[in-house]
Amino acid sequence: MYITELTRLSGKRSKKLMIRLDDGSRIQIYCGEADKYGLSEGAQITDDKWEQLMKEVFIPRARSRAMHLLERQDRTRHNLIQKLQEGGYPQRAIDEAVAYVESYHYIDDMRYASSYVRYHQYGKSRRRITMDLRGKGVSQEIIEEALDREFVSSEVDMICSIIRKRGYDPTQKDMKQKQKLYRFLLGRGFSYEDIDSAISKSRN
């Protein structure tokens, strides 16, 4: 493979370079490493040199970066991969890093999803939690299992609590206020049926 472009990353103190390869992929490397391994624009990276870069630079650094990211907060597998991709690591190094942290159970989508459900179930509907976890790259199968295990709150009671906190009087006839409440609750993933039941319950 060949280096088609080599540019310094923005920032006065930046010590990193962005390398574009002839297959269209991009990787990041420190200036000193580029000098050490003879990486320059137009240069060829032989298979032996690429393997050396993988073992000596990219894989160890991707593992270290993955560990650092997980020290700061729990993440899904999908999110960790995204973060490593943003860091300019080759795909093989990303795969190796993810496999490494998975082998120690430092990432576990079921654990993440279960924790998310436990924490958010009293303020969000099952539907909204499902949408949130999908957005984080968690599979539907894991989401459903986590909800079955952890979701114990009543959505009608949850809506009643939200109605009280928002100071809404369910006996009032102001349609604008009622429509505003419905939009808010629907936005949180609650169904019309549960909203109607909660409003009826709140009147009693």
Foldseek 3Di string as FASTA:
>chain_A
DFFADWAFDDDPPGQKIWTADPVGAIAIDGVVVCVVLVPDHGDDQDPVNVVVCLVPPQQVVLLVVLVVVLVVHAAALQVSLVVSVVNRGDPVSSVNNSVVCVVVPSHDLLVVLLVLCQVCLLPAPLQLSLVVSVVRVRDPVSNVVSCVVHRDDDVLVSLLVVCVVVVHDLVDDPVVVVVVSVVVNVVRPDDPVSNVVSSVVNND
